[in-house]
């Protein structure tokens, strides 16, 4: 097994781990945020608009973290700057 093959294999494994963690952690955070919002709505139904607006902004922020992980994993897979080192 040459260095380029090993590097490509490791890069693929790291990208898979990044995607797995990058989707699992925001999913857990989204579940907790929704559970907290439902609990707050049960306690104060008159504050529905404020809680819902804050919930959607928070969910958008959490989802952007998952998208950033996807972008980083795609960079690792397809445009890895260290590949130029191994191709020399």
Protein backbone atom coordinates (compact mmCIF):
# COMPACT_ATOMS: atom_id res chain seq x y z
CA UNK A 1 0.00 0.00 0.00
CA UNK A 2 1.55 3.27 -1.07
CA UNK A 3 1.30 6.60 0.77
CA UNK A 4 -1.35 8.06 -1.55
CA UNK A 5 -3.66 5.10 -1.06
CA UNK A 6 -3.22 5.22 2.71
CA UNK A 7 -3.82 8.97 2.77
CA UNK A 8 -6.97 8.64 0.67
CA UNK A 9 -8.29 5.90 2.95
CA UNK A 10 -7.63 7.93 6.09
CA UNK A 11 -9.21 11.03 4.52
CA UNK A 12 -12.33 9.06 3.67
CA UNK A 13 -12.55 7.67 7.20
CA UNK A 14 -12.12 11.11 8.74
CA UNK A 15 -14.78 12.55 6.44
CA UNK A 16 -17.17 9.77 7.47
CA UNK A 17 -16.55 10.45 11.14
CA UNK A 18 -17.02 14.19 10.58
CA UNK A 19 -20.35 13.60 8.84
CA UNK A 20 -21.49 11.20 11.57
CA UNK A 21 -20.64 13.55 14.43
CA UNK A 22 -21.68 16.60 12.44
CA UNK A 23 -25.20 15.28 12.07
CA UNK A 24 -25.57 13.46 15.38
CA UNK A 25 -24.66 16.32 17.69
CA UNK A 26 -26.91 18.97 16.05
CA UNK A 27 -29.76 16.41 16.00
CA UNK A 28 -29.41 15.95 19.75
CA UNK A 29 -29.29 19.72 20.23
CA UNK A 30 -32.40 20.18 18.08
CA UNK A 31 -34.27 17.58 20.11
CA UNK A 32 -33.37 19.30 23.35
CA UNK A 33 -34.33 22.72 21.98
CA UNK A 34 -37.71 21.49 20.79
CA UNK A 35 -38.37 19.71 24.09
CA UNK A 36 -37.50 22.87 26.03
CA UNK A 37 -39.70 24.99 23.77
CA UNK A 38 -42.66 22.63 24.24
CA UNK A 39 -42.13 22.71 27.99
CA UNK A 40 -42.03 26.52 27.93
CA UNK A 41 -45.20 26.62 25.82
CA UNK A 42 -46.95 24.35 28.31
CA UNK A 43 -46.00 26.68 31.16
CA UNK A 44 -46.73 29.98 29.39
CA UNK A 45 -49.11 29.58 26.45
CA UNK A 46 -49.47 33.37 26.13
CA UNK A 47 -45.78 33.65 25.11
CA UNK A 48 -46.24 31.39 22.10
CA UNK A 49 -45.08 33.90 19.47
CA UNK A 50 -41.89 34.81 21.30
CA UNK A 51 -40.98 31.23 22.11
CA UNK A 52 -41.69 30.02 18.56
CA UNK A 53 -39.66 32.81 16.98
CA UNK A 54 -36.71 32.17 19.28
CA UNK A 55 -37.00 28.41 18.66
CA UNK A 56 -36.85 28.81 14.88
CA UNK A 57 -33.83 31.12 15.06
CA UNK A 58 -32.07 28.65 17.35
CA UNK A 59 -32.91 25.71 15.10
CA UNK A 60 -31.52 27.58 12.10
CA UNK A 61 -28.26 28.21 13.97
CA UNK A 62 -28.01 24.55 14.97
CA UNK A 63 -28.72 23.39 11.42
CA UNK A 64 -26.00 25.67 10.06
CA UNK A 65 -23.47 23.77 12.19
CA UNK A 66 -24.45 20.53 10.46
CA UNK A 67 -24.07 22.21 7.07
CA UNK A 68 -20.60 23.48 8.02
CA UNK A 69 -19.58 19.91 8.94
CA UNK A 70 -20.82 18.71 5.56
CA UNK A 71 -18.79 21.39 3.76
CA UNK A 72 -15.63 20.52 5.69
CA UNK A 73 -16.10 16.81 4.97
CA UNK A 74 -16.54 17.53 1.26
CA UNK A 75 -13.37 19.62 1.28
CA UNK A 76 -11.51 16.77 2.97
CA UNK A 77 -12.75 14.33 0.35
CA UNK A 78 -12.50 16.29 -2.87
CA UNK A 79 -10.10 19.22 -2.47
CA UNK A 80 -7.58 18.16 0.09
CA UNK A 81 -4.52 20.43 -0.16
CA UNK A 82 -2.25 17.68 1.17
CA UNK A 83 -2.89 15.52 -1.91
CA UNK A 84 -0.54 17.78 -3.87
CA UNK A 85 2.23 16.78 -1.47
CA UNK A 86 1.70 13.08 -2.15
CA UNK A 87 1.42 13.52 -5.92
CA UNK A 88 4.91 15.05 -6.20
